[in-house]
Amino acid sequence: MNIKEDLNLFFLHVPKNAGKSILKMYDIKADKKLKRSVVEAQASINHSQNLNINLDKYVKFCVVRNPWDRIVSLYHFRKRETDLYNLFPGANVFGGDKSLPDGTQLSFKEWVMSPHSKAAEFPLIDRIEKERDHKMREMFSAKAFPRKDYLYKMNKAEYNDMYRSHAHYLWLTHVLDWIQQIHFITKEDGSLFVDEILRFETLAEDLEKFQDKYNLPKKQLPHVNKNPRKKKKYVDYYDEELLNYIEDYMRDDIEHLGYKFGD
């Protein structure tokens, strides 16, 4: 959890939304137990309860971003970090591959539309083997869970159910990158976890208003994790087929966060 005690701030770090810059600006350190700064809302609540931390005393804030632009940023970040292909069959799951095992390098469209890019779910064999119910063992067997993207194209109720029914048996990786932002920043009942939502597109202006509202020290936002793009405008990455795919996939973000393609 990302807490700044002296300022009574709690920052909910949504991936690829200037999170590293916010953390650096306020000198917020990642949770020592979790060892990461990206933790979605309900998990943050659960973790705080385990540690007897009262989150009500903090101003909770986050940054959201145009979903089409955010996916372009994610692609270039993973490409820079050489873990664009690590969830594809035969690739090094810990990253380092600059192509698929056969030497193929995927375009942005090919990567986004592949079920292997979204995330992967790997059966936790030791837990499954201890399961006494043979139906449960079959349900969570390795053969039953090829890599796929169905976990990440779902509404809030389906998202909650996934964590209740799957988390005990499966290791889910890259889940957080592909969770729709509206699900990331809401509680299990769908209500907002954060007090303030800043927008990536107007972040400097929003930060200034945020700092004024809560009487926070004025700070300049550093630029961390900037990823180079061959195409300067995110709209240039999309054709009609990919537009339809993302509009379907990120439909809840588009509806609830009010973004339009081209904004």
C-alpha atoms as a PDB file:
ATOM      1  CA  MET A   1       0.000   0.000   0.000  1.00  0.00           C
ATOM      2  CA  ASN A   2       1.191   3.461  -0.865  1.00  0.00           C
ATOM      3  CA  ILE A   3       0.812   5.640   2.209  1.00  0.00           C
ATOM      4  CA  LYS A   4       2.363   9.019   2.943  1.00  0.00           C
ATOM      5  CA  GLU A   5       1.787   9.352   6.673  1.00  0.00           C
ATOM      6  CA  ASP A   6       2.840  12.976   7.179  1.00  0.00           C
ATOM      7  CA  LEU A   7       0.423  14.131   4.464  1.00  0.00           C
ATOM      8  CA  ASN A   8      -2.347  11.603   5.219  1.00  0.00           C
ATOM      9  CA  LEU A   9      -2.313  10.383   1.624  1.00  0.00           C
ATOM     10  CA  PHE A  10      -3.075   6.983   0.144  1.00  0.00           C
ATOM     11  CA  PHE A  11      -2.190   6.576  -3.514  1.00  0.00           C
ATOM     12  CA  LEU A  12      -3.904   3.789  -5.463  1.00  0.00           C
ATOM     13  CA  HIS A  13      -1.416   2.979  -8.226  1.00  0.00           C
ATOM     14  CA  VAL A  14      -3.208   2.009 -11.441  1.00  0.00           C
ATOM     15  CA  PRO A  15      -0.631   0.571 -13.888  1.00  0.00           C
ATOM     16  CA  LYS A  16       0.623   2.836 -16.718  1.00  0.00           C
ATOM     17  CA  ASN A  17      -1.028   5.977 -15.347  1.00  0.00           C
ATOM     18  CA  ALA A  18       1.998   7.993 -14.146  1.00  0.00           C
ATOM     19  CA  GLY A  19       2.114   5.978 -10.930  1.00  0.00           C
ATOM     20  CA  LYS A  20       5.903   5.889 -10.654  1.00  0.00           C
ATOM     21  CA  SER A  21       5.993   9.666 -11.095  1.00  0.00           C
ATOM     22  CA  ILE A  22       3.417  10.190  -8.319  1.00  0.00           C
ATOM     23  CA  LEU A  23       5.325   7.855  -5.975  1.00  0.00           C
ATOM     24  CA  LYS A  24       8.566   9.689  -6.631  1.00  0.00           C
ATOM     25  CA  MET A  25       6.994  13.130  -6.261  1.00  0.00           C
ATOM     26  CA  TYR A  26       5.613  12.329  -2.796  1.00  0.00           C
ATOM     27  CA  ASP A  27       8.478   9.995  -1.853  1.00  0.00           C
ATOM     28  CA  ILE A  28       6.078   7.108  -1.210  1.00  0.00           C
ATOM     29  CA  LYS A  29       7.750   3.740  -0.680  1.00  0.00           C
ATOM     30  CA  ALA A  30       6.224   0.450  -1.759  1.00  0.00           C
ATOM     31  CA  ASP A  31       4.702  -1.716   0.964  1.00  0.00           C
ATOM     32  CA  LYS A  32       7.502  -3.778   2.532  1.00  0.00           C
ATOM     33  CA  LYS A  33       5.330  -6.854   2.917  1.00  0.00           C
ATOM     34  CA  LEU A  34       3.727  -6.776  -0.535  1.00  0.00           C
ATOM     35  CA  LYS A  35       6.959  -5.551  -2.198  1.00  0.00           C
ATOM     36  CA  ARG A  36       5.016  -3.743  -4.894  1.00  0.00           C
ATOM     37  CA  SER A  37       3.075  -0.519  -5.321  1.00  0.00           C
ATOM     38  CA  VAL A  38       0.316  -1.785  -7.636  1.00  0.00           C
ATOM     39  CA  VAL A  39      -2.511  -3.201  -5.511  1.00  0.00           C
ATOM     40  CA  GLU A  40      -6.148  -2.851  -6.563  1.00  0.00           C
ATOM     41  CA  ALA A  41      -8.817  -1.387  -4.290  1.00  0.00           C
ATOM     42  CA  GLN A  42     -10.370  -4.481  -2.677  1.00  0.00           C
ATOM     43  CA  ALA A  43      -6.973  -6.072  -2.100  1.00  0.00           C
ATOM     44  CA  SER A  44      -5.851  -2.821  -0.454  1.00  0.00           C
ATOM     45  CA  ILE A  45      -8.853  -2.951   1.853  1.00  0.00           C
ATOM     46  CA  ASN A  46      -8.191  -6.583   2.760  1.00  0.00           C
ATOM     47  CA  HIS A  47      -4.496  -5.911   3.371  1.00  0.00           C
ATOM     48  CA  SER A  48      -5.216  -2.882   5.545  1.00  0.00           C
ATOM     49  CA  GLN A  49      -7.650  -4.893   7.661  1.00  0.00           C
ATOM     50  CA  ASN A  50      -5.039  -7.595   8.193  1.00  0.00           C
ATOM     51  CA  LEU A  51      -2.609  -4.927   9.409  1.00  0.00           C
ATOM     52  CA  ASN A  52      -5.233  -3.037  11.454  1.00  0.00           C
ATOM     53  CA  ILE A  53      -4.734   0.103   9.360  1.00  0.00           C
ATOM     54  CA  ASN A  54      -7.638   2.565   9.257  1.00  0.00           C
ATOM     55  CA  LEU A  55      -7.805   3.807   5.678  1.00  0.00           C
ATOM     56  CA  ASP A  56     -10.554   6.306   6.495  1.00  0.00           C
ATOM     57  CA  LYS A  57      -8.007   8.774   7.867  1.00  0.00           C
ATOM     58  CA  TYR A  58      -6.260   9.094   4.499  1.00  0.00           C
ATOM     59  CA  VAL A  59      -7.174  11.008   1.386  1.00  0.00           C
ATOM     60  CA  LYS A  60      -7.279   8.239  -1.190  1.00  0.00           C
ATOM     61  CA  PHE A  61      -6.544   9.222  -4.772  1.00  0.00           C
ATOM     62  CA  CYS A  62      -5.673   7.683  -8.127  1.00  0.00           C
ATOM     63  CA  VAL A  63      -5.004   8.560 -11.762  1.00  0.00           C
ATOM     64  CA  VAL A  64      -7.076   7.227 -14.663  1.00  0.00           C
ATOM     65  CA  ARG A  65      -6.236   7.348 -18.366  1.00  0.00           C
ATOM     66  CA  ASN A  66      -7.774   7.058 -21.803  1.00  0.00           C
ATOM     67  CA  PRO A  67      -7.961   3.243 -22.229  1.00  0.00           C
ATOM     68  CA  TRP A  68      -6.815   3.260 -25.866  1.00  0.00           C
ATOM     69  CA  ASP A  69      -3.768   5.361 -25.020  1.00  0.00           C
ATOM     70  CA  ARG A  70      -3.073   3.293 -21.915  1.00  0.00           C
ATOM     71  CA  ILE A  71      -2.839   0.044 -23.904  1.00  0.00           C
ATOM     72  CA  VAL A  72      -0.349   1.660 -26.301  1.00  0.00           C
ATOM     73  CA  SER A  73       1.732   2.729 -23.301  1.00  0.00           C
ATOM     74  CA  LEU A  74       1.579  -0.788 -21.839  1.00  0.00           C
ATOM     75  CA  TYR A  75       2.767  -2.298 -25.117  1.00  0.00           C
ATOM     76  CA  HIS A  76       5.805  -0.028 -25.337  1.00  0.00           C
ATOM     77  CA  PHE A  77       6.631  -0.504 -21.663  1.00  0.00           C
ATOM     78  CA  ARG A  78       6.620  -4.287 -21.972  1.00  0.00           C
ATOM     79  CA  LYS A  79       8.624  -4.088 -25.179  1.00  0.00           C
ATOM     80  CA  ARG A  80      11.233  -1.902 -23.484  1.00  0.00           C
ATOM     81  CA  GLU A  81      11.415  -4.265 -20.518  1.00  0.00           C
ATOM     82  CA  THR A  82      11.665  -7.303 -22.857  1.00  0.00           C
ATOM     83  CA  ASP A  83       8.664  -9.044 -21.312  1.00  0.00           C
ATOM     84  CA  LEU A  84       6.277  -8.545 -24.214  1.00  0.00           C
ATOM     85  CA  TYR A  85       6.269 -12.267 -24.976  1.00  0.00           C
ATOM     86  CA  ASN A  86       6.828 -13.918 -21.609  1.00  0.00           C
ATOM     87  CA  LEU A  87       3.304 -15.341 -21.347  1.00  0.00           C
ATOM     88  CA  PHE A  88       3.343 -16.934 -24.789  1.00  0.00           C
ATOM     89  CA  PRO A  89       3.794 -20.719 -25.058  1.00  0.00           C
ATOM     90  CA  GLY A  90       7.457 -21.686 -25.106  1.00  0.00           C
ATOM     91  CA  ALA A  91       8.721 -18.254 -24.057  1.00  0.00           C
ATOM     92  CA  ASN A  92      10.684 -17.439 -20.919  1.00  0.00           C
ATOM     93  CA  VAL A  93       8.020 -16.663 -18.331  1.00  0.00           C
ATOM     94  CA  PHE A  94      10.465 -14.388 -16.472  1.00  0.00           C
ATOM     95  CA  GLY A  95      11.002 -12.214 -19.565  1.00  0.00           C
ATOM     96  CA  GLY A  96      14.015 -11.410 -21.677  1.00  0.00           C
ATOM     97  CA  ASP A  97      12.699 -12.612 -25.042  1.00  0.00           C
ATOM     98  CA  LYS A  98      12.670 -10.061 -27.857  1.00  0.00           C
ATOM     99  CA  SER A  99      10.479 -12.268 -30.034  1.00  0.00           C
ATOM    100  CA  LEU A 100       8.350 -15.385 -29.961  1.00  0.00           C
ATOM    101  CA  PRO A 101      10.249 -18.700 -29.790  1.00  0.00           C
ATOM    102  CA  ASP A 102      10.035 -18.999 -33.594  1.00  0.00           C
ATOM    103  CA  GLY A 103      11.571 -15.539 -34.072  1.00  0.00           C
ATOM    104  CA  THR A 104       8.317 -13.756 -34.880  1.00  0.00           C
ATOM    105  CA  GLN A 105       7.907 -10.199 -33.586  1.00  0.00           C
ATOM    106  CA  LEU A 106       4.305  -9.142 -33.140  1.00  0.00           C
ATOM    107  CA  SER A 107       2.832  -5.818 -34.157  1.00  0.00           C
ATOM    108  CA  PHE A 108       0.868  -3.802 -31.627  1.00  0.00           C
ATOM    109  CA  LYS A 109      -2.418  -5.110 -33.023  1.00  0.00           C
ATOM    110  CA  GLU A 110      -1.257  -8.724 -33.050  1.00  0.00           C
ATOM    111  CA  TRP A 111      -0.007  -8.472 -29.460  1.00  0.00           C
ATOM    112  CA  VAL A 112      -3.140  -6.817 -28.113  1.00  0.00           C
ATOM    113  CA  MET A 113      -5.542  -9.235 -29.802  1.00  0.00           C
ATOM    114  CA  SER A 114      -3.644 -12.355 -28.795  1.00  0.00           C
ATOM    115  CA  PRO A 115      -5.084 -14.157 -25.741  1.00  0.00           C
ATOM    116  CA  HIS A 116      -1.513 -14.845 -24.633  1.00  0.00           C
ATOM    117  CA  SER A 117      -0.691 -11.169 -24.063  1.00  0.00           C
ATOM    118  CA  LYS A 118      -3.399 -10.431 -21.520  1.00  0.00           C
ATOM    119  CA  ALA A 119      -2.339 -12.555 -18.636  1.00  0.00           C
ATOM    120  CA  ALA A 120      -1.964 -16.159 -17.747  1.00  0.00           C
ATOM    121  CA  GLU A 121      -3.318 -18.456 -15.109  1.00  0.00           C
ATOM    122  CA  PHE A 122      -1.217 -21.321 -13.896  1.00  0.00           C
ATOM    123  CA  PRO A 123      -2.628 -24.049 -11.642  1.00  0.00           C
ATOM    124  CA  LEU A 124      -1.128 -24.152  -8.167  1.00  0.00           C
ATOM    125  CA  ILE A 125      -0.342 -27.856  -8.368  1.00  0.00           C
ATOM    126  CA  ASP A 126       0.436 -28.352  -4.683  1.00  0.00           C
ATOM    127  CA  ARG A 127      -2.934 -26.941  -3.618  1.00  0.00           C
ATOM    128  CA  ILE A 128      -4.862 -28.806  -6.291  1.00  0.00           C
ATOM    129  CA  GLU A 129      -3.282 -32.147  -5.401  1.00  0.00           C
ATOM    130  CA  LYS A 130      -4.405 -31.677  -1.792  1.00  0.00           C
ATOM    131  CA  GLU A 131      -7.983 -31.023  -2.862  1.00  0.00           C
ATOM    132  CA  ARG A 132     -10.145 -33.980  -1.809  1.00  0.00           C
ATOM    133  CA  ASP A 133     -12.982 -33.263  -4.205  1.00  0.00           C
ATOM    134  CA  HIS A 134     -12.031 -34.898  -7.528  1.00  0.00           C
ATOM    135  CA  LYS A 135     -14.342 -32.514  -9.428  1.00  0.00           C
ATOM    136  CA  MET A 136     -12.370 -29.581  -8.099  1.00  0.00           C
ATOM    137  CA  ARG A 137      -9.121 -31.270  -9.038  1.00  0.00           C
ATOM    138  CA  GLU A 138     -10.389 -31.741 -12.589  1.00  0.00           C
ATOM    139  CA  MET A 139     -11.735 -28.191 -12.761  1.00  0.00           C
ATOM    140  CA  PHE A 140      -8.359 -26.675 -11.938  1.00  0.00           C
ATOM    141  CA  SER A 141      -6.130 -29.154 -13.739  1.00  0.00           C
ATOM    142  CA  ALA A 142      -3.426 -27.843 -16.056  1.00  0.00           C
ATOM    143  CA  LYS A 143      -5.300 -29.113 -19.117  1.00  0.00           C
ATOM    144  CA  ALA A 144      -8.401 -27.200 -18.099  1.00  0.00           C
ATOM    145  CA  PHE A 145      -6.583 -23.877 -17.966  1.00  0.00           C
ATOM    146  CA  PRO A 146      -4.777 -22.940 -21.162  1.00  0.00           C
ATOM    147  CA  ARG A 147      -3.711 -19.286 -21.373  1.00  0.00           C
ATOM    148  CA  LYS A 148      -6.648 -17.123 -22.296  1.00  0.00           C
ATOM    149  CA  ASP A 149      -8.082 -13.693 -21.797  1.00  0.00           C
ATOM    150  CA  TYR A 150     -11.594 -14.445 -20.522  1.00  0.00           C
ATOM    151  CA  LEU A 151     -10.626 -13.382 -16.999  1.00  0.00           C
ATOM    152  CA  TYR A 152     -10.113  -9.802 -18.092  1.00  0.00           C
ATOM    153  CA  LYS A 153     -13.155  -9.094 -20.222  1.00  0.00           C
ATOM    154  CA  MET A 154     -15.785  -9.152 -17.527  1.00  0.00           C
ATOM    155  CA  ASN A 155     -18.059  -7.012 -15.403  1.00  0.00           C
ATOM    156  CA  LYS A 156     -17.569  -6.226 -11.718  1.00  0.00           C
ATOM    157  CA  ALA A 157     -19.593  -9.195 -10.460  1.00  0.00           C
ATOM    158  CA  GLU A 158     -17.632 -11.611 -12.643  1.00  0.00           C
ATOM    159  CA  TYR A 159     -14.381 -10.019 -11.507  1.00  0.00           C
ATOM    160  CA  ASN A 160     -15.330 -10.482  -7.842  1.00  0.00           C
ATOM    161  CA  ASP A 161     -16.377 -14.082  -8.474  1.00  0.00           C
ATOM    162  CA  MET A 162     -13.082 -14.816 -10.213  1.00  0.00           C
ATOM    163  CA  TYR A 163     -11.134 -13.819  -7.118  1.00  0.00           C
ATOM    164  CA  ARG A 164     -13.393 -15.791  -4.792  1.00  0.00           C
ATOM    165  CA  SER A 165     -13.377 -19.025  -6.787  1.00  0.00           C
ATOM    166  CA  HIS A 166     -10.013 -19.002  -8.575  1.00  0.00           C
ATOM    167  CA  ALA A 167      -7.483 -17.314  -6.327  1.00  0.00           C
ATOM    168  CA  HIS A 168      -7.003 -20.302  -4.034  1.00  0.00           C
ATOM    169  CA  TYR A 169      -6.132 -22.636  -6.903  1.00  0.00           C
ATOM    170  CA  LEU A 170      -4.479 -20.460  -9.542  1.00  0.00           C
ATOM    171  CA  TRP A 171      -1.466 -18.233  -9.815  1.00  0.00           C
ATOM    172  CA  LEU A 172      -2.608 -15.274 -11.913  1.00  0.00           C
ATOM    173  CA  THR A 173       0.068 -13.145 -13.531  1.00  0.00           C
ATOM    174  CA  HIS A 174      -0.225  -9.792 -15.272  1.00  0.00           C
ATOM    175  CA  VAL A 175      -3.796  -9.585 -14.042  1.00  0.00           C
ATOM    176  CA  LEU A 176      -3.393  -6.036 -12.761  1.00  0.00           C
ATOM    177  CA  ASP A 177      -2.224  -4.597 -16.081  1.00  0.00           C
ATOM    178  CA  TRP A 178      -5.386  -5.707 -17.846  1.00  0.00           C
ATOM    179  CA  ILE A 179      -8.039  -5.145 -15.208  1.00  0.00           C
ATOM    180  CA  GLN A 180     -10.308  -2.335 -16.346  1.00  0.00           C
ATOM    181  CA  GLN A 181      -9.510   0.796 -14.376  1.00  0.00           C
ATOM    182  CA  ILE A 182     -13.054   1.221 -13.048  1.00  0.00           C
ATOM    183  CA  HIS A 183     -12.857  -2.239 -11.475  1.00  0.00           C
ATOM    184  CA  PHE A 184      -9.389  -1.490 -10.126  1.00  0.00           C
ATOM    185  CA  ILE A 185     -10.542   1.622  -8.224  1.00  0.00           C
ATOM    186  CA  THR A 186     -13.842   0.296  -6.863  1.00  0.00           C
ATOM    187  CA  LYS A 187     -14.699  -1.883  -3.891  1.00  0.00           C
ATOM    188  CA  GLU A 188     -16.272  -5.302  -4.136  1.00  0.00           C
ATOM    189  CA  ASP A 189     -19.758  -3.742  -4.065  1.00  0.00           C
ATOM    190  CA  GLY A 190     -18.865  -1.462  -6.981  1.00  0.00           C
ATOM    191  CA  SER A 191     -18.623   1.758  -4.970  1.00  0.00           C
ATOM    192  CA  LEU A 192     -15.612   4.022  -5.382  1.00  0.00           C
ATOM    193  CA  PHE A 193     -12.685   3.317  -3.088  1.00  0.00           C
ATOM    194  CA  VAL A 194     -10.896   6.599  -3.782  1.00  0.00           C
ATOM    195  CA  ASP A 195     -11.864  10.108  -2.724  1.00  0.00           C
ATOM    196  CA  GLU A 196     -10.267  11.832  -5.701  1.00  0.00           C
ATOM    197  CA  ILE A 197      -9.730  10.796  -9.329  1.00  0.00           C
ATOM    198  CA  LEU A 198      -7.122  12.669 -11.336  1.00  0.00           C
ATOM    199  CA  ARG A 199      -6.849  12.335 -15.098  1.00  0.00           C
ATOM    200  CA  PHE A 200      -3.611  11.534 -16.873  1.00  0.00           C
ATOM    201  CA  GLU A 201      -4.491  13.867 -19.739  1.00  0.00           C
ATOM    202  CA  THR A 202      -4.752  16.917 -17.445  1.00  0.00           C
ATOM    203  CA  LEU A 203      -2.549  15.659 -14.634  1.00  0.00           C
ATOM    204  CA  ALA A 204      -0.514  18.815 -13.953  1.00  0.00           C
ATOM    205  CA  GLU A 205      -3.690  20.893 -13.664  1.00  0.00           C
ATOM    206  CA  ASP A 206      -5.511  18.242 -11.621  1.00  0.00           C
ATOM    207  CA  LEU A 207      -2.573  17.886  -9.248  1.00  0.00           C
ATOM    208  CA  GLU A 208      -2.494  21.611  -8.643  1.00  0.00           C
ATOM    209  CA  LYS A 209      -6.202  21.622  -7.758  1.00  0.00           C
ATOM    210  CA  PHE A 210      -5.732  18.503  -5.616  1.00  0.00           C
ATOM    211  CA  GLN A 211      -2.854  20.107  -3.691  1.00  0.00           C
ATOM    212  CA  ASP A 212      -4.847  23.296  -3.137  1.00  0.00           C
ATOM    213  CA  LYS A 213      -7.945  21.426  -1.954  1.00  0.00           C
ATOM    214  CA  TYR A 214      -6.064  19.425   0.682  1.00  0.00           C
ATOM    215  CA  ASN A 215      -3.493  22.076   1.571  1.00  0.00           C
ATOM    216  CA  LEU A 216      -0.618  19.939   0.317  1.00  0.00           C
ATOM    217  CA  PRO A 217       2.870  21.230  -0.503  1.00  0.00           C
ATOM    218  CA  LYS A 218       3.302  22.292  -4.119  1.00  0.00           C
ATOM    219  CA  LYS A 219       5.395  19.754  -5.982  1.00  0.00           C
ATOM    220  CA  GLN A 220       6.463  19.330  -9.591  1.00  0.00           C
ATOM    221  CA  LEU A 221       5.630  16.005 -11.200  1.00  0.00           C
ATOM    222  CA  PRO A 222       8.766  14.200 -12.448  1.00  0.00           C
ATOM    223  CA  HIS A 223       8.500  12.109 -15.624  1.00  0.00           C
ATOM    224  CA  VAL A 224       9.393   8.502 -14.861  1.00  0.00           C
ATOM    225  CA  ASN A 225       9.067   5.430 -17.110  1.00  0.00           C
ATOM    226  CA  LYS A 226       8.590   7.376 -20.330  1.00  0.00           C
ATOM    227  CA  ASN A 227       8.330   4.972 -23.256  1.00  0.00           C
ATOM    228  CA  PRO A 228       9.376   5.978 -26.785  1.00  0.00           C
ATOM    229  CA  ARG A 229       6.753   5.611 -29.518  1.00  0.00           C
ATOM    230  CA  LYS A 230       7.289   5.422 -33.248  1.00  0.00           C
ATOM    231  CA  LYS A 231       3.829   6.909 -33.720  1.00  0.00           C
ATOM    232  CA  LYS A 232       3.269  10.023 -31.646  1.00  0.00           C
ATOM    233  CA  LYS A 233      -0.542   9.820 -31.512  1.00  0.00           C
ATOM    234  CA  TYR A 234      -2.216   6.772 -30.005  1.00  0.00           C
ATOM    235  CA  VAL A 235      -5.026   6.960 -32.558  1.00  0.00           C
ATOM    236  CA  ASP A 236      -2.530   5.990 -35.267  1.00  0.00           C
ATOM    237  CA  TYR A 237      -2.111   2.533 -33.695  1.00  0.00           C
ATOM    238  CA  TYR A 238      -5.692   1.474 -34.315  1.00  0.00           C
ATOM    239  CA  ASP A 239      -7.675   0.197 -37.273  1.00  0.00           C
ATOM    240  CA  GLU A 240     -11.406  -0.564 -37.250  1.00  0.00           C
ATOM    241  CA  GLU A 241     -10.992  -4.181 -36.154  1.00  0.00           C
ATOM    242  CA  LEU A 242      -8.769  -3.300 -33.196  1.00  0.00           C
ATOM    243  CA  LEU A 243     -11.025  -0.386 -32.258  1.00  0.00           C
ATOM    244  CA  ASN A 244     -13.999  -2.741 -32.030  1.00  0.00           C
ATOM    245  CA  TYR A 245     -11.969  -5.214 -29.996  1.00  0.00           C
ATOM    246  CA  ILE A 246     -10.917  -2.613 -27.407  1.00  0.00           C
ATOM    247  CA  GLU A 247     -14.350  -1.005 -27.258  1.00  0.00           C
ATOM    248  CA  ASP A 248     -15.767  -4.407 -26.344  1.00  0.00           C
ATOM    249  CA  TYR A 249     -12.922  -5.361 -24.030  1.00  0.00           C
ATOM    250  CA  MET A 250     -12.740  -2.023 -22.140  1.00  0.00           C
ATOM    251  CA  ARG A 251     -16.441  -1.236 -22.329  1.00  0.00           C
ATOM    252  CA  ASP A 252     -16.838  -0.523 -18.597  1.00  0.00           C
ATOM    253  CA  ASP A 253     -13.934   1.942 -18.573  1.00  0.00           C
ATOM    254  CA  ILE A 254     -15.295   3.709 -21.635  1.00  0.00           C
ATOM    255  CA  GLU A 255     -18.758   3.982 -20.129  1.00  0.00           C
ATOM    256  CA  HIS A 256     -17.902   4.909 -16.533  1.00  0.00           C
ATOM    257  CA  LEU A 257     -14.775   7.027 -17.046  1.00  0.00           C
ATOM    258  CA  GLY A 258     -16.257   8.963 -19.936  1.00  0.00           C
ATOM    259  CA  TYR A 259     -13.470   8.537 -22.478  1.00  0.00           C
ATOM    260  CA  LYS A 260     -13.885   8.660 -26.243  1.00  0.00           C
ATOM    261  CA  PHE A 261     -11.486   7.542 -28.942  1.00  0.00           C
ATOM    262  CA  GLY A 262      -9.567  10.582 -30.140  1.00  0.00           C
ATOM    263  CA  ASP A 263      -9.775  12.516 -26.844  1.00  0.00           C
END
